Amino acid sequence: MSSLLERLEQREAAARGRVEALRAELATLAERLAAEEALLGRLEITKATVLEVLAGDGDALGEEAAARGAAATAPAPGSGMAVGVPAFSANGDATGRELPVAYRDVVEVLVDAGEPLRAKQLCVALGAGTEPRHVEGMRSRLKRLVRRSWLVEVEPGLFALAQGVADGQLKARGSSS
């Protein structure tokens, strides 16, 4: 009977060793996967930025348009880029109805939250993925809204509504109910 128990213990120890080896391999693969996903996310953002610049929606153009109080230049037809994000103007229509839907959703989530949020928290709230490429895409969208004065970055990576944006959003909701 004792030899049977000894053999079972040996097999259990061997199985435990294989499990630990597989866990270590899995951890290594997870690290490699995270690194490749981060690279992919950066490449996607770089490509989107290049397409924006080629379409004429670079930072300099967007800042000039914001300074004039006009909407940013729309990208070239067929470029696959989102419609330009207009600058926020407290004395204009502050309802966000002029924002593209993806940007309007971000503003509405921040209105509902009532507090600053991070890109990953917004991804979760909007049902987007939380992989690095999704979070970086959201961060890019948030930075664009900051440049257009819809949001402020209260500290690095923490975004809140700019002064007056919440009031316009709440008025728009009240009138559409």
C-alpha atoms as a PDB file:
ATOM      1  CA  MET A   1       0.000   0.000   0.000  1.00  0.00           C
ATOM      2  CA  SER A   2       2.830   2.416   0.840  1.00  0.00           C
ATOM      3  CA  SER A   3       4.483   1.848  -2.555  1.00  0.00           C
ATOM      4  CA  LEU A   4       1.216   2.809  -4.255  1.00  0.00           C
ATOM      5  CA  LEU A   5       1.070   6.051  -2.235  1.00  0.00           C
ATOM      6  CA  GLU A   6       4.718   6.749  -3.016  1.00  0.00           C
ATOM      7  CA  ARG A   7       4.070   6.295  -6.744  1.00  0.00           C
ATOM      8  CA  LEU A   8       1.014   8.599  -6.543  1.00  0.00           C
ATOM      9  CA  GLU A   9       3.085  11.224  -4.738  1.00  0.00           C
ATOM     10  CA  GLN A  10       5.795  10.948  -7.390  1.00  0.00           C
ATOM     11  CA  ARG A  11       3.230  11.367 -10.184  1.00  0.00           C
ATOM     12  CA  GLU A  12       1.632  14.277  -8.310  1.00  0.00           C
ATOM     13  CA  ALA A  13       5.047  15.947  -7.900  1.00  0.00           C
ATOM     14  CA  ALA A  14       5.805  15.427 -11.596  1.00  0.00           C
ATOM     15  CA  ALA A  15       2.411  16.869 -12.586  1.00  0.00           C
ATOM     16  CA  ARG A  16       2.939  19.815 -10.240  1.00  0.00           C
ATOM     17  CA  GLY A  17       6.345  20.434 -11.864  1.00  0.00           C
ATOM     18  CA  ARG A  18       4.793  20.416 -15.366  1.00  0.00           C
ATOM     19  CA  VAL A  19       2.045  22.795 -14.212  1.00  0.00           C
ATOM     20  CA  GLU A  20       4.622  25.225 -12.798  1.00  0.00           C
ATOM     21  CA  ALA A  21       6.670  25.031 -15.990  1.00  0.00           C
ATOM     22  CA  LEU A  22       3.563  25.750 -18.075  1.00  0.00           C
ATOM     23  CA  ARG A  23       2.638  28.671 -15.797  1.00  0.00           C
ATOM     24  CA  ALA A  24       6.114  30.128 -16.252  1.00  0.00           C
ATOM     25  CA  GLU A  25       5.850  29.679 -20.016  1.00  0.00           C
ATOM     26  CA  LEU A  26       2.373  31.262 -19.955  1.00  0.00           C
ATOM     27  CA  ALA A  27       3.710  34.261 -18.021  1.00  0.00           C
ATOM     28  CA  THR A  28       6.505  34.689 -20.566  1.00  0.00           C
ATOM     29  CA  LEU A  29       4.030  34.451 -23.436  1.00  0.00           C
ATOM     30  CA  ALA A  30       1.700  36.942 -21.716  1.00  0.00           C
ATOM     31  CA  GLU A  31       4.584  39.417 -21.410  1.00  0.00           C
ATOM     32  CA  ARG A  32       5.502  38.944 -25.058  1.00  0.00           C
ATOM     33  CA  LEU A  33       1.846  39.334 -26.064  1.00  0.00           C
ATOM     34  CA  ALA A  34       1.497  42.551 -24.042  1.00  0.00           C
ATOM     35  CA  ALA A  35       4.654  43.956 -25.640  1.00  0.00           C
ATOM     36  CA  GLU A  36       3.436  43.092 -29.151  1.00  0.00           C
ATOM     37  CA  GLU A  37      -0.030  44.545 -28.429  1.00  0.00           C
ATOM     38  CA  ALA A  38       1.596  47.749 -27.168  1.00  0.00           C
ATOM     39  CA  LEU A  39       3.697  47.919 -30.340  1.00  0.00           C
ATOM     40  CA  LEU A  40       0.614  47.307 -32.464  1.00  0.00           C
ATOM     41  CA  GLY A  41      -1.256  50.047 -30.618  1.00  0.00           C
ATOM     42  CA  ARG A  42       1.581  52.517 -31.140  1.00  0.00           C
ATOM     43  CA  LEU A  43       1.742  51.629 -34.833  1.00  0.00           C
ATOM     44  CA  GLU A  44      -2.017  52.096 -35.213  1.00  0.00           C
ATOM     45  CA  ILE A  45      -1.823  55.492 -33.508  1.00  0.00           C
ATOM     46  CA  THR A  46       1.134  56.483 -35.665  1.00  0.00           C
ATOM     47  CA  LYS A  47      -0.726  55.474 -38.806  1.00  0.00           C
ATOM     48  CA  ALA A  48      -3.829  57.412 -37.711  1.00  0.00           C
ATOM     49  CA  THR A  49      -1.677  60.463 -36.958  1.00  0.00           C
ATOM     50  CA  VAL A  50       0.033  60.272 -40.340  1.00  0.00           C
ATOM     51  CA  LEU A  51      -3.351  59.974 -42.060  1.00  0.00           C
ATOM     52  CA  GLU A  52      -4.601  63.018 -40.107  1.00  0.00           C
ATOM     53  CA  VAL A  53      -1.560  65.046 -41.096  1.00  0.00           C
ATOM     54  CA  LEU A  54      -1.869  63.987 -44.733  1.00  0.00           C
ATOM     55  CA  ALA A  55      -5.582  64.836 -44.625  1.00  0.00           C
ATOM     56  CA  GLY A  56      -4.782  68.305 -43.286  1.00  0.00           C
ATOM     57  CA  ASP A  57      -6.035  67.809 -39.711  1.00  0.00           C
ATOM     58  CA  GLY A  58      -2.688  68.305 -37.949  1.00  0.00           C
ATOM     59  CA  ASP A  59      -2.266  70.071 -34.605  1.00  0.00           C
ATOM     60  CA  ALA A  60      -1.232  73.385 -36.140  1.00  0.00           C
ATOM     61  CA  LEU A  61      -4.305  73.518 -38.352  1.00  0.00           C
ATOM     62  CA  GLY A  62      -6.563  72.423 -35.524  1.00  0.00           C
ATOM     63  CA  GLU A  63      -5.147  75.064 -33.169  1.00  0.00           C
ATOM     64  CA  GLU A  64      -5.602  77.786 -35.815  1.00  0.00           C
ATOM     65  CA  ALA A  65      -9.201  76.699 -36.326  1.00  0.00           C
ATOM     66  CA  ALA A  66      -9.797  76.639 -32.565  1.00  0.00           C
ATOM     67  CA  ALA A  67      -8.311  80.117 -32.229  1.00  0.00           C
ATOM     68  CA  ARG A  68     -10.716  81.393 -34.885  1.00  0.00           C
ATOM     69  CA  GLY A  69     -13.598  79.625 -33.124  1.00  0.00           C
ATOM     70  CA  ALA A  70     -14.269  77.548 -36.219  1.00  0.00           C
ATOM     71  CA  ALA A  71     -14.517  73.812 -36.670  1.00  0.00           C
ATOM     72  CA  ALA A  72     -11.350  71.909 -37.528  1.00  0.00           C
ATOM     73  CA  THR A  73     -10.742  71.091 -41.154  1.00  0.00           C
ATOM     74  CA  ALA A  74     -12.481  67.875 -42.197  1.00  0.00           C
ATOM     75  CA  PRO A  75     -10.281  65.068 -43.469  1.00  0.00           C
ATOM     76  CA  ALA A  76     -10.092  64.194 -47.124  1.00  0.00           C
ATOM     77  CA  PRO A  77     -12.962  62.027 -48.421  1.00  0.00           C
ATOM     78  CA  GLY A  78     -12.168  58.344 -48.321  1.00  0.00           C
ATOM     79  CA  SER A  79      -9.307  58.768 -45.846  1.00  0.00           C
ATOM     80  CA  GLY A  80     -11.139  56.681 -43.254  1.00  0.00           C
ATOM     81  CA  MET A  81     -10.579  59.338 -40.573  1.00  0.00           C
ATOM     82  CA  ALA A  82     -13.271  60.684 -38.256  1.00  0.00           C
ATOM     83  CA  VAL A  83     -14.944  64.006 -38.943  1.00  0.00           C
ATOM     84  CA  GLY A  84     -13.014  66.924 -37.411  1.00  0.00           C
ATOM     85  CA  VAL A  85     -13.777  67.812 -33.818  1.00  0.00           C
ATOM     86  CA  PRO A  86     -15.040  71.395 -33.521  1.00  0.00           C
ATOM     87  CA  ALA A  87     -13.651  73.703 -30.870  1.00  0.00           C
ATOM     88  CA  PHE A  88     -15.826  74.233 -27.797  1.00  0.00           C
ATOM     89  CA  SER A  89     -17.203  77.720 -27.453  1.00  0.00           C
ATOM     90  CA  ALA A  90     -19.096  78.612 -24.270  1.00  0.00           C
ATOM     91  CA  ASN A  91     -21.020  81.355 -26.070  1.00  0.00           C
ATOM     92  CA  GLY A  92     -21.942  79.084 -28.967  1.00  0.00           C
ATOM     93  CA  ASP A  93     -23.906  75.834 -29.077  1.00  0.00           C
ATOM     94  CA  ALA A  94     -22.399  73.938 -26.158  1.00  0.00           C
ATOM     95  CA  THR A  95     -24.642  70.909 -26.419  1.00  0.00           C
ATOM     96  CA  GLY A  96     -22.150  68.659 -28.130  1.00  0.00           C
ATOM     97  CA  ARG A  97     -24.619  67.897 -30.939  1.00  0.00           C
ATOM     98  CA  GLU A  98     -21.988  69.097 -33.394  1.00  0.00           C
ATOM     99  CA  LEU A  99     -19.478  66.527 -32.106  1.00  0.00           C
ATOM    100  CA  PRO A 100     -19.016  63.231 -33.932  1.00  0.00           C
ATOM    101  CA  VAL A 101     -20.853  60.429 -32.105  1.00  0.00           C
ATOM    102  CA  ALA A 102     -17.714  58.775 -30.677  1.00  0.00           C
ATOM    103  CA  TYR A 103     -16.622  62.070 -29.121  1.00  0.00           C
ATOM    104  CA  ARG A 104     -20.136  62.940 -27.921  1.00  0.00           C
ATOM    105  CA  ASP A 105     -20.279  59.566 -26.142  1.00  0.00           C
ATOM    106  CA  VAL A 106     -17.037  60.369 -24.302  1.00  0.00           C
ATOM    107  CA  VAL A 107     -18.383  63.754 -23.177  1.00  0.00           C
ATOM    108  CA  GLU A 108     -21.672  62.195 -22.043  1.00  0.00           C
ATOM    109  CA  VAL A 109     -19.884  59.523 -19.990  1.00  0.00           C
ATOM    110  CA  LEU A 110     -17.851  62.238 -18.270  1.00  0.00           C
ATOM    111  CA  VAL A 111     -21.039  64.224 -17.576  1.00  0.00           C
ATOM    112  CA  ASP A 112     -22.643  61.129 -16.034  1.00  0.00           C
ATOM    113  CA  ALA A 113     -19.516  60.274 -14.020  1.00  0.00           C
ATOM    114  CA  GLY A 114     -19.294  63.729 -12.507  1.00  0.00           C
ATOM    115  CA  GLU A 115     -15.569  63.223 -11.870  1.00  0.00           C
ATOM    116  CA  PRO A 116     -12.367  62.969 -13.887  1.00  0.00           C
ATOM    117  CA  LEU A 117     -11.701  59.590 -15.517  1.00  0.00           C
ATOM    118  CA  ARG A 118      -8.748  57.824 -17.126  1.00  0.00           C
ATOM    119  CA  ALA A 119      -8.728  56.474 -20.678  1.00  0.00           C
ATOM    120  CA  LYS A 120      -9.115  52.864 -19.526  1.00  0.00           C
ATOM    121  CA  GLN A 121     -12.103  53.774 -17.326  1.00  0.00           C
ATOM    122  CA  LEU A 122     -13.747  55.434 -20.320  1.00  0.00           C
ATOM    123  CA  CYS A 123     -13.066  52.354 -22.456  1.00  0.00           C
ATOM    124  CA  VAL A 124     -14.840  50.224 -19.859  1.00  0.00           C
ATOM    125  CA  ALA A 125     -17.762  52.666 -19.566  1.00  0.00           C
ATOM    126  CA  LEU A 126     -18.194  52.781 -23.348  1.00  0.00           C
ATOM    127  CA  GLY A 127     -17.876  49.027 -23.793  1.00  0.00           C
ATOM    128  CA  ALA A 128     -14.694  49.333 -25.826  1.00  0.00           C
ATOM    129  CA  GLY A 129     -11.887  46.866 -25.316  1.00  0.00           C
ATOM    130  CA  THR A 130      -9.300  47.443 -22.627  1.00  0.00           C
ATOM    131  CA  GLU A 131      -6.351  46.194 -24.651  1.00  0.00           C
ATOM    132  CA  PRO A 132      -3.511  48.713 -24.992  1.00  0.00           C
ATOM    133  CA  ARG A 133      -4.553  49.619 -28.551  1.00  0.00           C
ATOM    134  CA  HIS A 134      -8.059  50.557 -27.375  1.00  0.00           C
ATOM    135  CA  VAL A 135      -6.791  52.529 -24.398  1.00  0.00           C
ATOM    136  CA  GLU A 136      -4.244  54.397 -26.547  1.00  0.00           C
ATOM    137  CA  GLY A 137      -6.912  55.155 -29.134  1.00  0.00           C
ATOM    138  CA  MET A 138      -9.142  56.537 -26.383  1.00  0.00           C
ATOM    139  CA  ARG A 139      -6.241  58.575 -24.994  1.00  0.00           C
ATOM    140  CA  SER A 140      -5.706  60.052 -28.468  1.00  0.00           C
ATOM    141  CA  ARG A 141      -9.411  60.956 -28.666  1.00  0.00           C
ATOM    142  CA  LEU A 142      -9.257  62.535 -25.186  1.00  0.00           C
ATOM    143  CA  LYS A 143      -6.174  64.583 -26.085  1.00  0.00           C
ATOM    144  CA  ARG A 144      -7.971  65.827 -29.203  1.00  0.00           C
ATOM    145  CA  LEU A 145     -10.931  66.917 -27.043  1.00  0.00           C
ATOM    146  CA  VAL A 146      -8.490  68.712 -24.722  1.00  0.00           C
ATOM    147  CA  ARG A 147      -6.959  70.568 -27.691  1.00  0.00           C
ATOM    148  CA  ARG A 148     -10.462  71.610 -28.785  1.00  0.00           C
ATOM    149  CA  SER A 149     -11.324  72.818 -25.226  1.00  0.00           C
ATOM    150  CA  TRP A 150     -14.049  70.227 -24.534  1.00  0.00           C
ATOM    151  CA  LEU A 151     -11.959  68.550 -21.816  1.00  0.00           C
ATOM    152  CA  VAL A 152      -9.108  69.397 -19.489  1.00  0.00           C
ATOM    153  CA  GLU A 153      -6.343  67.104 -18.315  1.00  0.00           C
ATOM    154  CA  VAL A 154      -6.383  67.735 -14.557  1.00  0.00           C
ATOM    155  CA  GLU A 155      -3.252  65.637 -14.097  1.00  0.00           C
ATOM    156  CA  PRO A 156      -1.363  63.428 -16.541  1.00  0.00           C
ATOM    157  CA  GLY A 157      -3.809  60.817 -17.831  1.00  0.00           C
ATOM    158  CA  LEU A 158      -6.837  62.101 -15.859  1.00  0.00           C
ATOM    159  CA  PHE A 159      -9.482  63.857 -17.958  1.00  0.00           C
ATOM    160  CA  ALA A 160     -12.429  66.019 -16.897  1.00  0.00           C
ATOM    161  CA  LEU A 161     -14.977  68.222 -18.616  1.00  0.00           C
ATOM    162  CA  ALA A 162     -13.868  71.764 -19.362  1.00  0.00           C
ATOM    163  CA  GLN A 163     -15.660  74.664 -17.693  1.00  0.00           C
ATOM    164  CA  GLY A 164     -19.128  75.097 -19.200  1.00  0.00           C
ATOM    165  CA  VAL A 165     -19.250  71.824 -21.121  1.00  0.00           C
ATOM    166  CA  ALA A 166     -21.267  69.969 -18.476  1.00  0.00           C
ATOM    167  CA  ASP A 167     -23.825  72.783 -18.300  1.00  0.00           C
ATOM    168  CA  GLY A 168     -24.372  72.668 -22.061  1.00  0.00           C
ATOM    169  CA  GLN A 169     -24.668  68.884 -22.021  1.00  0.00           C
ATOM    170  CA  LEU A 170     -27.199  68.926 -19.177  1.00  0.00           C
ATOM    171  CA  LYS A 171     -29.287  71.646 -20.881  1.00  0.00           C
ATOM    172  CA  ALA A 172     -29.289  69.630 -24.124  1.00  0.00           C
ATOM    173  CA  ARG A 173     -30.495  66.529 -22.272  1.00  0.00           C
ATOM    174  CA  GLY A 174     -33.224  68.479 -20.498  1.00  0.00           C
ATOM    175  CA  SER A 175     -34.558  69.950 -23.739  1.00  0.00           C
ATOM    176  CA  SER A 176     -34.491  66.625 -25.612  1.00  0.00           C
ATOM    177  CA  SER A 177     -36.423  64.709 -22.924  1.00  0.00           C
END
